[in-house]
N, C-alpha and C. Protein backbone atom coordinates (compact mmCIF):
# COMPACT_ATOMS: atom_id res chain seq x y z
N MET A 1 0.80 -1.35 -0.03
CA MET A 1 0.23 -0.01 0.13
C MET A 1 0.76 1.34 0.00
N THR A 2 0.55 2.11 -0.79
CA THR A 2 1.55 3.46 -0.92
C THR A 2 0.28 4.63 -0.82
N THR A 3 0.67 5.57 -0.07
CA THR A 3 -0.07 6.95 0.21
C THR A 3 0.99 7.94 -0.17
N THR A 4 0.16 9.21 -0.18
CA THR A 4 1.29 10.47 -0.53
C THR A 4 1.21 11.26 0.85
N ASN A 5 0.77 11.17 1.67
CA ASN A 5 0.52 12.00 3.04
C ASN A 5 -0.15 11.09 4.06
N GLY A 6 0.08 11.86 5.34
CA GLY A 6 -0.04 11.09 6.62
C GLY A 6 -1.70 11.03 6.65
N GLN A 7 -2.38 12.07 6.22
CA GLN A 7 -3.98 11.96 6.30
C GLN A 7 -4.51 10.66 5.68
N GLU A 8 -4.12 10.57 4.28
CA GLU A 8 -4.37 9.57 3.33
C GLU A 8 -3.97 8.19 3.81
N ASP A 9 -2.70 8.29 4.75
CA ASP A 9 -2.47 6.87 5.01
C ASP A 9 -3.02 6.54 6.44
N LEU A 10 -3.42 7.57 7.30
CA LEU A 10 -4.34 7.04 8.42
C LEU A 10 -5.80 6.50 7.91
N ALA A 11 -6.14 7.22 6.79
CA ALA A 11 -7.69 6.78 6.64
C ALA A 11 -7.78 5.17 5.57
N SER A 12 -6.50 5.07 5.17
CA SER A 12 -6.34 4.02 4.54
C SER A 12 -6.23 2.74 5.46
N LEU A 13 -5.09 3.10 6.42
CA LEU A 13 -4.98 2.06 7.28
C LEU A 13 -6.29 1.62 8.21
N ARG A 14 -7.09 2.47 8.60
CA ARG A 14 -8.16 2.22 9.28
C ARG A 14 -9.15 1.28 8.58
N VAL A 15 -8.85 1.13 7.37
CA VAL A 15 -9.88 0.00 6.50
C VAL A 15 -9.22 -1.06 6.04
N HIS A 16 -7.88 -0.99 6.40
CA HIS A 16 -6.84 -2.11 5.99
C HIS A 16 -6.78 -3.40 6.98
N ASP A 17 -7.12 -4.39 6.33
CA ASP A 17 -7.12 -5.72 7.18
C ASP A 17 -6.94 -6.81 6.77
N PRO A 18 -5.54 -7.29 6.96
CA PRO A 18 -4.69 -6.91 8.24
C PRO A 18 -3.89 -5.75 8.04
N LEU A 19 -3.31 -5.20 9.04
CA LEU A 19 -2.46 -4.15 8.88
C LEU A 19 -1.15 -4.37 8.08
N PRO A 20 -0.53 -3.47 7.43
CA PRO A 20 0.73 -3.92 6.81
C PRO A 20 1.75 -4.35 7.74
N ALA A 21 2.83 -5.17 7.57
CA ALA A 21 3.86 -5.52 8.44
C ALA A 21 4.59 -4.29 9.04
N LEU A 22 4.62 -3.39 8.11
CA LEU A 22 5.63 -2.34 8.50
C LEU A 22 5.26 -0.97 7.68
N SER A 23 5.57 0.35 8.27
CA SER A 23 5.24 1.47 7.89
C SER A 23 6.67 2.13 7.65
N LEU A 24 6.87 2.53 6.44
CA LEU A 24 7.84 3.52 6.18
C LEU A 24 7.73 4.70 5.96
N LEU A 25 7.91 5.77 7.03
CA LEU A 25 7.47 6.83 7.16
C LEU A 25 8.22 7.91 6.85
N ASP A 26 8.01 9.01 5.95
CA ASP A 26 9.08 10.33 5.80
C ASP A 26 8.50 11.14 6.27
N LEU A 27 9.16 12.11 7.30
CA LEU A 27 8.71 12.92 8.33
C LEU A 27 8.02 14.30 7.40
N MET A 28 8.64 14.48 5.98
CA MET A 28 8.35 15.32 5.46
C MET A 28 7.23 15.15 4.10
N MET A 29 5.94 15.42 4.56
CA MET A 29 4.88 15.05 3.59
C MET A 29 3.91 16.12 3.54
N PRO A 30 3.03 16.38 2.55
CA PRO A 30 2.29 17.39 2.48
C PRO A 30 0.90 17.01 3.32
N VAL A 31 0.06 18.16 3.51
CA VAL A 31 -1.19 17.59 4.04
C VAL A 31 -0.90 17.46 5.80
N MET A 32 -0.32 16.19 5.78
CA MET A 32 -0.04 15.76 7.26
C MET A 32 1.28 15.42 7.31
N ASP A 33 2.17 15.94 7.96
CA ASP A 33 3.58 15.52 8.16
C ASP A 33 3.56 14.23 8.75
N GLY A 34 5.00 13.65 8.81
CA GLY A 34 5.08 12.25 9.58
C GLY A 34 5.02 12.42 10.90
N VAL A 35 5.22 13.58 11.44
CA VAL A 35 5.21 13.81 13.24
C VAL A 35 3.78 13.89 13.33
N HIS A 36 2.92 14.37 12.75
CA HIS A 36 1.33 14.16 12.91
C HIS A 36 0.95 12.94 13.04
N PHE A 37 1.26 12.28 11.69
CA PHE A 37 0.88 11.12 11.40
C PHE A 37 1.26 9.98 12.60
N ARG A 38 2.25 10.13 13.08
CA ARG A 38 2.85 9.15 14.07
C ARG A 38 2.37 9.39 15.29
N ARG A 39 2.04 10.58 15.77
CA ARG A 39 1.24 10.88 16.95
C ARG A 39 -0.14 10.29 16.73
N LYS A 40 -0.80 10.40 15.95
CA LYS A 40 -2.22 9.84 15.67
C LYS A 40 -2.05 8.37 15.49
N GLN A 41 -1.17 7.82 14.86
CA GLN A 41 -0.92 6.40 14.78
C GLN A 41 -0.77 5.76 16.50
N GLN A 42 0.16 6.38 17.10
CA GLN A 42 0.43 5.78 18.33
C GLN A 42 -0.94 5.83 19.22
N ALA A 43 -1.78 7.12 19.07
CA ALA A 43 -2.93 7.18 20.15
C ALA A 43 -4.01 6.06 19.74
N ASP A 44 -4.13 5.49 18.56
CA ASP A 44 -5.36 4.79 17.81
C ASP A 44 -4.68 3.17 18.48
N PRO A 45 -5.49 2.54 19.01
CA PRO A 45 -5.19 1.10 19.97
C PRO A 45 -5.33 0.11 18.54
N GLU A 46 -5.69 0.48 17.47
CA GLU A 46 -5.76 -0.62 16.56
C GLU A 46 -4.63 -0.22 15.60
N LEU A 47 -4.01 0.97 15.27
CA LEU A 47 -2.81 1.28 14.69
C LEU A 47 -1.61 1.22 15.38
N GLN A 48 -1.41 1.49 16.53
CA GLN A 48 -0.27 1.48 17.55
C GLN A 48 0.72 0.39 17.38
N GLN A 49 0.15 -0.85 17.05
CA GLN A 49 1.03 -2.38 17.15
C GLN A 49 1.62 -2.25 15.91
N MET A 50 1.51 -1.42 14.91
CA MET A 50 2.33 -1.59 13.43
C MET A 50 3.67 -0.97 13.48
N PRO A 51 4.86 -1.79 13.37
CA PRO A 51 5.88 -1.06 13.33
C PRO A 51 6.36 0.06 12.39
N VAL A 52 6.94 1.01 12.88
CA VAL A 52 7.32 2.25 11.97
C VAL A 52 8.64 2.72 11.76
N VAL A 53 9.22 2.54 10.64
CA VAL A 53 10.38 3.19 10.39
C VAL A 53 10.33 4.51 9.91
N VAL A 54 11.25 5.45 10.36
CA VAL A 54 10.96 6.87 10.13
C VAL A 54 12.57 7.14 9.36
N PHE A 55 12.02 7.71 8.07
CA PHE A 55 13.16 8.45 7.31
C PHE A 55 13.30 9.74 7.76
N SER A 56 14.70 10.24 7.92
CA SER A 56 14.98 11.80 8.36
C SER A 56 16.18 12.29 7.79
N ALA A 57 16.12 13.44 7.45
CA ALA A 57 17.51 14.14 7.03
C ALA A 57 18.01 14.34 8.27
N GLY A 58 19.62 14.33 8.28
CA GLY A 58 20.36 14.53 9.42
C GLY A 58 19.74 15.86 10.32
N VAL A 59 19.24 16.79 9.87
CA VAL A 59 18.88 17.99 10.61
C VAL A 59 17.53 17.59 11.65
N ASN A 60 16.64 16.68 10.97
CA ASN A 60 15.63 16.03 11.82
C ASN A 60 15.65 14.86 12.65
N LEU A 61 17.08 14.27 13.05
CA LEU A 61 17.32 13.08 13.57
C LEU A 61 16.44 13.07 15.08
N ARG A 62 16.91 14.27 15.84
CA ARG A 62 16.34 14.32 17.09
C ARG A 62 14.84 14.53 17.06
N ARG A 63 14.16 14.88 16.17
CA ARG A 63 12.75 15.14 16.03
C ARG A 63 11.93 13.75 15.78
N ALA A 64 12.99 12.96 14.83
CA ALA A 64 12.22 11.66 14.49
C ALA A 64 12.50 10.54 15.78
N LEU A 65 13.69 10.55 16.54
CA LEU A 65 13.91 9.95 17.53
C LEU A 65 12.63 10.18 18.77
N LEU A 66 12.29 11.17 18.98
CA LEU A 66 11.43 11.71 19.80
C LEU A 66 10.02 10.86 19.44
N LEU A 67 9.97 10.51 18.27
CA LEU A 67 8.69 9.64 17.85
C LEU A 67 8.67 8.28 18.11
N THR A 68 9.65 7.64 18.85
CA THR A 68 10.00 6.55 19.31
C THR A 68 9.59 5.42 18.01
N PRO A 69 10.35 5.65 17.06
CA PRO A 69 10.06 4.63 16.00
C PRO A 69 10.95 3.31 16.24
N ASP A 70 10.24 2.39 15.60
CA ASP A 70 10.96 1.05 15.86
C ASP A 70 12.57 1.13 15.19
N ALA A 71 12.51 1.86 14.18
CA ALA A 71 14.03 2.18 13.56
C ALA A 71 13.88 3.67 12.68
N CYS A 72 15.12 4.11 12.69
CA CYS A 72 15.09 5.70 11.93
C CYS A 72 16.26 5.44 10.96
N TRP A 73 16.05 5.81 9.95
CA TRP A 73 17.11 5.92 8.90
C TRP A 73 17.31 7.44 8.29
N LEU A 74 18.78 7.60 8.38
CA LEU A 74 19.15 8.77 7.85
C LEU A 74 19.06 8.87 6.42
N LYS A 75 18.76 9.89 5.94
CA LYS A 75 18.71 10.11 4.45
C LYS A 75 20.23 10.90 4.01
N PRO A 76 20.87 10.32 2.81
CA PRO A 76 20.62 9.01 2.27
C PRO A 76 21.02 7.60 2.97
N PHE A 77 20.32 6.81 2.93
CA PHE A 77 20.67 5.37 3.61
C PHE A 77 21.06 4.25 2.46
N GLU A 78 21.67 3.36 3.26
CA GLU A 78 22.17 2.49 2.55
C GLU A 78 21.00 1.20 2.18
N TYR A 79 21.66 0.74 0.74
CA TYR A 79 20.32 -0.12 0.15
C TYR A 79 20.35 -1.60 1.12
N GLU A 80 21.47 -2.01 1.72
CA GLU A 80 21.47 -3.23 2.57
C GLU A 80 20.92 -2.91 3.73
N GLU A 81 20.86 -1.37 4.47
CA GLU A 81 20.20 -1.42 5.49
C GLU A 81 18.77 -1.30 5.46
N PHE A 82 18.38 -0.97 4.29
CA PHE A 82 17.08 -0.78 3.85
C PHE A 82 16.48 -2.14 3.81
N VAL A 83 16.91 -3.19 2.93
CA VAL A 83 16.64 -4.56 3.09
C VAL A 83 16.63 -5.25 4.12
N GLU A 84 17.78 -5.11 4.87
CA GLU A 84 17.76 -5.86 6.23
C GLU A 84 16.79 -5.66 7.31
N THR A 85 16.35 -3.94 7.37
CA THR A 85 15.29 -3.80 8.29
C THR A 85 13.85 -4.11 7.80
N VAL A 86 13.73 -4.08 6.30
CA VAL A 86 12.25 -4.50 5.93
C VAL A 86 12.12 -5.76 6.08
N THR A 87 13.14 -6.67 5.71
CA THR A 87 13.04 -8.04 5.95
C THR A 87 13.13 -8.48 7.46
N ARG A 88 13.55 -7.93 8.45
CA ARG A 88 13.36 -8.12 9.79
C ARG A 88 11.76 -7.87 10.06
N TYR A 89 11.11 -6.89 9.69
CA TYR A 89 9.83 -6.65 10.32
C TYR A 89 8.92 -7.55 9.31
N THR A 90 9.07 -8.06 8.12
CA THR A 90 8.18 -8.50 7.20
C THR A 90 8.34 -10.07 7.38
N THR A 91 9.17 -10.74 7.98
CA THR A 91 9.48 -12.05 8.03
C THR A 91 9.31 -12.59 9.50
N ARG A 92 8.29 -12.20 10.25
CA ARG A 92 7.95 -12.38 11.53
C ARG A 92 7.14 -13.46 11.43
């Protein structure tokens, strides 16, 4: 499932069954940014169980870590790191 902003993502997740194995979240999105998405996702008992990996530019690292993601990648990130993390969450 692919969405273009946090608002669209929340709406889609609320009707998606089962939830995706992993959410790849960029902090910089239009309409609803990644910070607001993550706060709403964490407050929703149905959605809070879904693991989230946050993408962040170095200047936003502190902000990203405050969102308590399951993992955080600094842009640009290594392809091997991407594959390893996605594999870890999708082969449970």
